[in-house]
Every structure is written in structure tokens, then in C-alpha cells.
Amino acid sequence: MKRTLLYTIATLALSGLLAAPGYAQNPNTQGAGPGKVDPGHPRVNEVNAREQKQQNRIANGVRSGELTPKETAKLEKQENHIVKQEKHDMAKHNGHLTKAEQAKLNREQNRESKKIYAKKHNAAVR
């Protein structure tokens, strides 16, 4: 656990140090850039809203006792994978998502949503 925490901190520190300070911004992106969200970009906002909703569902499951710590850890791991994929995709397009990237993230979120439901209701997942 300590190793994972140290690895995460080191990765975040390095990514901040390696960022180009003079990164050229497109005036049409309203300040968006790698790792930043353009508040006016509907595809990014939709994906983020779904991520937040699913995080709330997981938190509710933990509070109500419907999710065990093991189930919660597994769900959170997949949620983190989706967030990393979104950040990677956004970094390629100056803080935006293409329609294809959004569709892929939506499919992943749909699968994750079904898993959350199944684990909260102790049903089998196909």
C-alpha cells in the first residue's frame, strides 16, 4: 500500500515537472489543455457528470452497506481506469474529447454502471 501511494505521488510530481510551461493555447479552447477541462465543452462535461454520478452511487452503496470493501475496491479500480483513459484522450486533443472517444468512454461507463447495480444487488454480472 505504501509503495502504491509513493508511486502515485512520484508520478504526479513528475507529470507536473515535465509539463511544458509555455504550452501554446488555441484561443478557441477557452483555457483548456492537457489535464484541464473546458467548462464549455459538452462531451467532456457529459463524461464527467456520469463519472460523478457513478461515484455517488458507489458512495451510497458503501454507506448503506450494500457494497463490501472488496466490491468497492474493484469498482473504484475500474472507475480510475476510465478517468485515466479520459485524461489520456483529452491530452491528445487540447483538453477535448472526440465523438469516438466519448462513445468509447460511454460504453465503458455503461458496463461499469451495470457492475455497480449488480454488486449493490448481489446479482451475477455477465
N, C-alpha and C. Protein backbone atom coordinates (compact mmCIF):
# COMPACT_ATOMS: atom_id res chain seq x y z
N MET A 1 0.82 -1.18 0.00
CA MET A 1 0.00 0.00 0.00
C MET A 1 0.87 1.25 0.00
N LYS A 2 1.93 1.25 0.84
CA LYS A 2 2.81 2.40 0.88
C LYS A 2 3.51 2.59 -0.46
N ARG A 3 3.88 1.47 -1.08
CA ARG A 3 4.56 1.53 -2.37
C ARG A 3 3.66 2.16 -3.42
N THR A 4 2.39 1.79 -3.44
CA THR A 4 1.44 2.33 -4.39
C THR A 4 1.26 3.82 -4.17
N LEU A 5 1.15 4.24 -2.91
CA LEU A 5 0.98 5.65 -2.59
C LEU A 5 2.21 6.44 -3.03
N LEU A 6 3.40 5.93 -2.74
CA LEU A 6 4.62 6.61 -3.15
C LEU A 6 4.72 6.69 -4.67
N TYR A 7 4.34 5.61 -5.35
CA TYR A 7 4.38 5.60 -6.81
C TYR A 7 3.42 6.65 -7.37
N THR A 8 2.23 6.75 -6.79
CA THR A 8 1.26 7.72 -7.26
C THR A 8 1.76 9.15 -7.05
N ILE A 9 2.31 9.42 -5.88
CA ILE A 9 2.84 10.75 -5.59
C ILE A 9 3.99 11.09 -6.53
N ALA A 10 4.88 10.14 -6.74
CA ALA A 10 6.01 10.37 -7.64
C ALA A 10 5.54 10.64 -9.06
N THR A 11 4.55 9.89 -9.51
CA THR A 11 4.03 10.07 -10.86
C THR A 11 3.41 11.45 -11.02
N LEU A 12 2.62 11.86 -10.03
CA LEU A 12 2.01 13.19 -10.10
C LEU A 12 3.06 14.29 -10.07
N ALA A 13 4.07 14.12 -9.24
CA ALA A 13 5.13 15.12 -9.16
C ALA A 13 5.88 15.23 -10.48
N LEU A 14 6.23 14.09 -11.05
CA LEU A 14 6.95 14.10 -12.33
C LEU A 14 6.11 14.69 -13.45
N SER A 15 4.84 14.37 -13.48
CA SER A 15 4.00 14.89 -14.55
C SER A 15 3.90 16.41 -14.45
N GLY A 16 3.89 16.94 -13.24
CA GLY A 16 3.86 18.39 -13.07
C GLY A 16 5.17 19.03 -13.47
N LEU A 17 6.28 18.35 -13.20
CA LEU A 17 7.58 18.90 -13.55
C LEU A 17 7.86 18.83 -15.04
N LEU A 18 7.30 17.83 -15.70
CA LEU A 18 7.57 17.65 -17.12
C LEU A 18 6.63 18.44 -18.02
N ALA A 19 5.63 19.08 -17.46
CA ALA A 19 4.69 19.85 -18.27
C ALA A 19 5.40 21.06 -18.85
N ALA A 20 5.13 21.34 -20.10
CA ALA A 20 5.75 22.48 -20.77
C ALA A 20 5.12 23.78 -20.27
N PRO A 21 5.92 24.68 -19.64
CA PRO A 21 5.34 25.89 -19.08
C PRO A 21 4.81 26.84 -20.13
N GLY A 22 5.34 26.82 -21.33
CA GLY A 22 4.90 27.72 -22.37
C GLY A 22 3.98 27.05 -23.37
N TYR A 23 3.14 26.14 -22.92
CA TYR A 23 2.25 25.40 -23.81
C TYR A 23 1.32 26.36 -24.55
N ALA A 24 1.37 26.30 -25.87
CA ALA A 24 0.56 27.21 -26.68
C ALA A 24 -0.91 26.81 -26.62
N GLN A 25 -1.77 27.79 -26.34
CA GLN A 25 -3.20 27.55 -26.24
C GLN A 25 -3.90 28.04 -27.49
N ASN A 26 -4.86 27.29 -27.93
CA ASN A 26 -5.73 27.73 -29.00
C ASN A 26 -6.76 28.66 -28.38
N PRO A 27 -6.94 29.88 -28.89
CA PRO A 27 -7.89 30.81 -28.26
C PRO A 27 -9.32 30.29 -28.25
N ASN A 28 -9.64 29.30 -29.09
CA ASN A 28 -10.99 28.78 -29.15
C ASN A 28 -11.28 27.71 -28.09
N THR A 29 -10.27 27.32 -27.33
CA THR A 29 -10.49 26.26 -26.35
C THR A 29 -10.84 26.79 -24.97
N GLN A 30 -10.91 28.08 -24.80
CA GLN A 30 -11.30 28.72 -23.54
C GLN A 30 -10.45 28.24 -22.37
N GLY A 31 -9.15 28.16 -22.57
CA GLY A 31 -8.25 27.80 -21.48
C GLY A 31 -8.08 26.31 -21.26
N ALA A 32 -8.64 25.49 -22.11
CA ALA A 32 -8.49 24.04 -21.94
C ALA A 32 -7.09 23.64 -22.37
N GLY A 33 -6.65 22.53 -21.88
CA GLY A 33 -5.36 21.99 -22.24
C GLY A 33 -5.22 20.62 -21.63
N PRO A 34 -4.09 19.98 -21.84
CA PRO A 34 -3.91 18.66 -21.27
C PRO A 34 -4.15 18.66 -19.76
N GLY A 35 -5.05 17.80 -19.34
CA GLY A 35 -5.37 17.70 -17.93
C GLY A 35 -6.34 18.75 -17.42
N LYS A 36 -6.79 19.66 -18.27
CA LYS A 36 -7.74 20.69 -17.86
C LYS A 36 -9.05 20.46 -18.58
N VAL A 37 -10.12 20.83 -17.93
CA VAL A 37 -11.45 20.64 -18.51
C VAL A 37 -11.95 21.97 -19.04
N ASP A 38 -12.45 21.96 -20.24
CA ASP A 38 -13.08 23.14 -20.82
C ASP A 38 -14.52 23.15 -20.35
N PRO A 39 -14.91 24.09 -19.49
CA PRO A 39 -16.27 24.06 -18.95
C PRO A 39 -17.35 24.22 -20.02
N GLY A 40 -16.99 24.68 -21.19
CA GLY A 40 -17.98 24.84 -22.25
C GLY A 40 -18.00 23.68 -23.22
N HIS A 41 -17.26 22.62 -22.96
CA HIS A 41 -17.18 21.51 -23.90
C HIS A 41 -18.17 20.43 -23.48
N PRO A 42 -19.24 20.21 -24.25
CA PRO A 42 -20.31 19.31 -23.83
C PRO A 42 -19.90 17.85 -23.70
N ARG A 43 -18.99 17.35 -24.54
CA ARG A 43 -18.61 15.94 -24.43
C ARG A 43 -17.86 15.67 -23.14
N VAL A 44 -16.94 16.56 -22.79
CA VAL A 44 -16.18 16.40 -21.55
C VAL A 44 -17.13 16.51 -20.36
N ASN A 45 -18.02 17.48 -20.40
CA ASN A 45 -18.96 17.68 -19.29
C ASN A 45 -19.87 16.47 -19.10
N GLU A 46 -20.32 15.87 -20.19
CA GLU A 46 -21.20 14.70 -20.08
C GLU A 46 -20.47 13.53 -19.44
N VAL A 47 -19.26 13.28 -19.89
CA VAL A 47 -18.47 12.17 -19.33
C VAL A 47 -18.21 12.42 -17.85
N ASN A 48 -17.84 13.65 -17.49
CA ASN A 48 -17.56 13.96 -16.09
C ASN A 48 -18.81 13.85 -15.22
N ALA A 49 -19.95 14.25 -15.75
CA ALA A 49 -21.20 14.14 -14.98
C ALA A 49 -21.53 12.68 -14.70
N ARG A 50 -21.32 11.82 -15.69
CA ARG A 50 -21.57 10.38 -15.48
C ARG A 50 -20.60 9.80 -14.47
N GLU A 51 -19.33 10.22 -14.54
CA GLU A 51 -18.34 9.73 -13.57
C GLU A 51 -18.77 10.12 -12.16
N GLN A 52 -19.20 11.36 -11.99
CA GLN A 52 -19.61 11.83 -10.67
C GLN A 52 -20.84 11.07 -10.17
N LYS A 53 -21.79 10.84 -11.06
CA LYS A 53 -23.00 10.11 -10.69
C LYS A 53 -22.64 8.69 -10.23
N GLN A 54 -21.74 8.03 -10.95
CA GLN A 54 -21.35 6.67 -10.59
C GLN A 54 -20.56 6.65 -9.28
N GLN A 55 -19.74 7.68 -9.05
CA GLN A 55 -19.03 7.77 -7.77
C GLN A 55 -20.03 7.92 -6.62
N ASN A 56 -21.07 8.71 -6.85
CA ASN A 56 -22.11 8.89 -5.83
C ASN A 56 -22.84 7.57 -5.56
N ARG A 57 -23.11 6.80 -6.60
CA ARG A 57 -23.77 5.50 -6.43
C ARG A 57 -22.91 4.55 -5.61
N ILE A 58 -21.60 4.56 -5.88
CA ILE A 58 -20.69 3.70 -5.12
C ILE A 58 -20.68 4.16 -3.65
N ALA A 59 -20.57 5.47 -3.43
CA ALA A 59 -20.55 6.00 -2.06
C ALA A 59 -21.83 5.65 -1.32
N ASN A 60 -22.96 5.74 -1.99
CA ASN A 60 -24.23 5.37 -1.37
C ASN A 60 -24.26 3.89 -1.02
N GLY A 61 -23.70 3.06 -1.87
CA GLY A 61 -23.63 1.63 -1.61
C GLY A 61 -22.76 1.32 -0.41
N VAL A 62 -21.68 2.08 -0.24
CA VAL A 62 -20.80 1.89 0.93
C VAL A 62 -21.55 2.31 2.19
N ARG A 63 -22.19 3.48 2.15
CA ARG A 63 -22.92 3.99 3.33
C ARG A 63 -24.05 3.05 3.75
N SER A 64 -24.75 2.50 2.76
CA SER A 64 -25.89 1.64 3.07
C SER A 64 -25.48 0.22 3.43
N GLY A 65 -24.22 -0.12 3.18
CA GLY A 65 -23.74 -1.47 3.48
C GLY A 65 -24.00 -2.45 2.34
N GLU A 66 -24.49 -1.97 1.22
CA GLU A 66 -24.75 -2.86 0.08
C GLU A 66 -23.46 -3.31 -0.60
N LEU A 67 -22.40 -2.53 -0.44
CA LEU A 67 -21.11 -2.87 -1.05
C LEU A 67 -20.11 -3.22 0.03
N THR A 68 -19.42 -4.32 -0.17
CA THR A 68 -18.34 -4.71 0.75
C THR A 68 -17.08 -3.93 0.38
N PRO A 69 -16.10 -3.88 1.26
CA PRO A 69 -14.85 -3.21 0.92
C PRO A 69 -14.19 -3.80 -0.35
N LYS A 70 -14.26 -5.11 -0.50
CA LYS A 70 -13.66 -5.75 -1.68
C LYS A 70 -14.39 -5.33 -2.95
N GLU A 71 -15.72 -5.32 -2.90
CA GLU A 71 -16.51 -4.88 -4.07
C GLU A 71 -16.22 -3.43 -4.39
N THR A 72 -16.13 -2.61 -3.35
CA THR A 72 -15.87 -1.18 -3.54
C THR A 72 -14.50 -0.97 -4.19
N ALA A 73 -13.50 -1.68 -3.72
CA ALA A 73 -12.16 -1.55 -4.28
C ALA A 73 -12.14 -1.91 -5.76
N LYS A 74 -12.84 -2.97 -6.11
CA LYS A 74 -12.87 -3.41 -7.50
C LYS A 74 -13.56 -2.36 -8.38
N LEU A 75 -14.68 -1.82 -7.89
CA LEU A 75 -15.40 -0.79 -8.65
C LEU A 75 -14.56 0.47 -8.79
N GLU A 76 -13.90 0.86 -7.72
CA GLU A 76 -13.07 2.08 -7.76
C GLU A 76 -11.89 1.91 -8.72
N LYS A 77 -11.34 0.71 -8.77
CA LYS A 77 -10.23 0.45 -9.69
C LYS A 77 -10.68 0.69 -11.14
N GLN A 78 -11.85 0.19 -11.49
CA GLN A 78 -12.35 0.38 -12.85
C GLN A 78 -12.70 1.84 -13.11
N GLU A 79 -13.27 2.51 -12.11
CA GLU A 79 -13.57 3.94 -12.26
C GLU A 79 -12.29 4.72 -12.53
N ASN A 80 -11.23 4.39 -11.80
CA ASN A 80 -9.94 5.07 -12.01
C ASN A 80 -9.40 4.81 -13.41
N HIS A 81 -9.61 3.60 -13.91
CA HIS A 81 -9.18 3.28 -15.27
C HIS A 81 -9.90 4.18 -16.28
N ILE A 82 -11.20 4.37 -16.10
CA ILE A 82 -11.97 5.22 -17.00
C ILE A 82 -11.49 6.67 -16.93
N VAL A 83 -11.20 7.16 -15.73
CA VAL A 83 -10.72 8.53 -15.56
C VAL A 83 -9.36 8.71 -16.25
N LYS A 84 -8.47 7.73 -16.08
CA LYS A 84 -7.16 7.81 -16.73
C LYS A 84 -7.30 7.81 -18.25
N GLN A 85 -8.21 6.99 -18.77
CA GLN A 85 -8.44 6.94 -20.21
C GLN A 85 -8.95 8.29 -20.71
N GLU A 86 -9.86 8.90 -19.96
CA GLU A 86 -10.38 10.20 -20.35
C GLU A 86 -9.27 11.25 -20.37
N LYS A 87 -8.44 11.28 -19.34
CA LYS A 87 -7.34 12.25 -19.29
C LYS A 87 -6.37 12.04 -20.44
N HIS A 88 -6.09 10.78 -20.76
CA HIS A 88 -5.20 10.46 -21.87
C HIS A 88 -5.79 10.97 -23.19
N ASP A 89 -7.09 10.70 -23.39
CA ASP A 89 -7.75 11.15 -24.61
C ASP A 89 -7.79 12.67 -24.70
N MET A 90 -8.06 13.32 -23.58
CA MET A 90 -8.12 14.78 -23.57
C MET A 90 -6.76 15.39 -23.86
N ALA A 91 -5.70 14.79 -23.37
CA ALA A 91 -4.36 15.31 -23.59
C ALA A 91 -4.00 15.31 -25.07
N LYS A 92 -4.56 14.38 -25.83
CA LYS A 92 -4.28 14.30 -27.26
C LYS A 92 -4.98 15.41 -28.05
N HIS A 93 -6.03 16.00 -27.47
CA HIS A 93 -6.85 16.95 -28.23
C HIS A 93 -7.06 18.26 -27.48
N ASN A 94 -6.00 18.75 -26.83
CA ASN A 94 -6.03 20.05 -26.19
C ASN A 94 -7.19 20.19 -25.20
N GLY A 95 -7.44 19.16 -24.44
CA GLY A 95 -8.47 19.22 -23.41
C GLY A 95 -9.86 18.86 -23.86
N HIS A 96 -10.01 18.38 -25.07
CA HIS A 96 -11.32 18.00 -25.60
C HIS A 96 -11.38 16.50 -25.87
N LEU A 97 -12.59 16.01 -26.10
CA LEU A 97 -12.79 14.61 -26.49
C LEU A 97 -13.43 14.57 -27.87
N THR A 98 -12.99 13.62 -28.69
CA THR A 98 -13.66 13.42 -29.97
C THR A 98 -14.95 12.63 -29.72
N LYS A 99 -15.81 12.60 -30.73
CA LYS A 99 -17.05 11.83 -30.60
C LYS A 99 -16.75 10.35 -30.38
N ALA A 100 -15.75 9.83 -31.07
CA ALA A 100 -15.39 8.41 -30.93
C ALA A 100 -14.87 8.13 -29.52
N GLU A 101 -14.06 9.03 -28.98
CA GLU A 101 -13.54 8.85 -27.62
C GLU A 101 -14.68 8.91 -26.60
N GLN A 102 -15.60 9.84 -26.80
CA GLN A 102 -16.74 9.94 -25.91
C GLN A 102 -17.58 8.66 -25.97
N ALA A 103 -17.80 8.15 -27.16
CA ALA A 103 -18.59 6.92 -27.32
C ALA A 103 -17.92 5.76 -26.60
N LYS A 104 -16.59 5.65 -26.72
CA LYS A 104 -15.86 4.57 -26.05
C LYS A 104 -15.97 4.71 -24.53
N LEU A 105 -15.81 5.93 -24.03
CA LEU A 105 -15.93 6.16 -22.59
C LEU A 105 -17.35 5.87 -22.12
N ASN A 106 -18.35 6.22 -22.92
CA ASN A 106 -19.74 5.92 -22.56
C ASN A 106 -19.98 4.42 -22.47
N ARG A 107 -19.41 3.66 -23.41
CA ARG A 107 -19.56 2.20 -23.36
C ARG A 107 -18.93 1.64 -22.08
N GLU A 108 -17.73 2.14 -21.75
CA GLU A 108 -17.07 1.69 -20.53
C GLU A 108 -17.90 2.07 -19.29
N GLN A 109 -18.46 3.26 -19.31
CA GLN A 109 -19.29 3.69 -18.18
C GLN A 109 -20.58 2.89 -18.09
N ASN A 110 -21.14 2.51 -19.24
CA ASN A 110 -22.34 1.66 -19.23
C ASN A 110 -22.04 0.31 -18.59
N ARG A 111 -20.90 -0.29 -18.96
CA ARG A 111 -20.50 -1.57 -18.36
C ARG A 111 -20.30 -1.42 -16.85
N GLU A 112 -19.64 -0.33 -16.48
CA GLU A 112 -19.38 -0.11 -15.06
C GLU A 112 -20.68 0.12 -14.30
N SER A 113 -21.61 0.82 -14.90
CA SER A 113 -22.91 1.07 -14.26
C SER A 113 -23.63 -0.23 -13.97
N LYS A 114 -23.59 -1.16 -14.92
CA LYS A 114 -24.22 -2.47 -14.72
C LYS A 114 -23.54 -3.23 -13.58
N LYS A 115 -22.21 -3.11 -13.49
CA LYS A 115 -21.48 -3.79 -12.42
C LYS A 115 -21.84 -3.20 -11.06
N ILE A 116 -21.98 -1.88 -11.01
CA ILE A 116 -22.36 -1.23 -9.75
C ILE A 116 -23.72 -1.75 -9.32
N TYR A 117 -24.67 -1.77 -10.24
CA TYR A 117 -26.02 -2.26 -9.92
C TYR A 117 -25.96 -3.71 -9.41
N ALA A 118 -25.23 -4.53 -10.14
CA ALA A 118 -25.17 -5.95 -9.79
C ALA A 118 -24.55 -6.16 -8.41
N LYS A 119 -23.46 -5.46 -8.13
CA LYS A 119 -22.80 -5.64 -6.83
C LYS A 119 -23.66 -5.09 -5.70
N LYS A 120 -24.39 -4.00 -5.96
CA LYS A 120 -25.25 -3.44 -4.93
C LYS A 120 -26.45 -4.35 -4.65
N HIS A 121 -26.83 -5.14 -5.66
CA HIS A 121 -27.99 -6.02 -5.51
C HIS A 121 -27.59 -7.49 -5.44
N ASN A 122 -26.29 -7.75 -5.32
CA ASN A 122 -25.76 -9.12 -5.22
C ASN A 122 -26.24 -10.02 -6.35
N ALA A 123 -26.30 -9.46 -7.56
CA ALA A 123 -26.69 -10.22 -8.73
C ALA A 123 -25.43 -10.63 -9.50
N ALA A 124 -25.59 -11.62 -10.33
CA ALA A 124 -24.46 -12.07 -11.17
C ALA A 124 -24.30 -11.13 -12.34
N VAL A 125 -23.05 -10.82 -12.70
CA VAL A 125 -22.75 -9.96 -13.84
C VAL A 125 -22.31 -10.83 -14.99
N ARG A 126 -22.85 -10.58 -16.13
CA ARG A 126 -22.47 -11.35 -17.31
C ARG A 126 -21.25 -10.79 -17.96
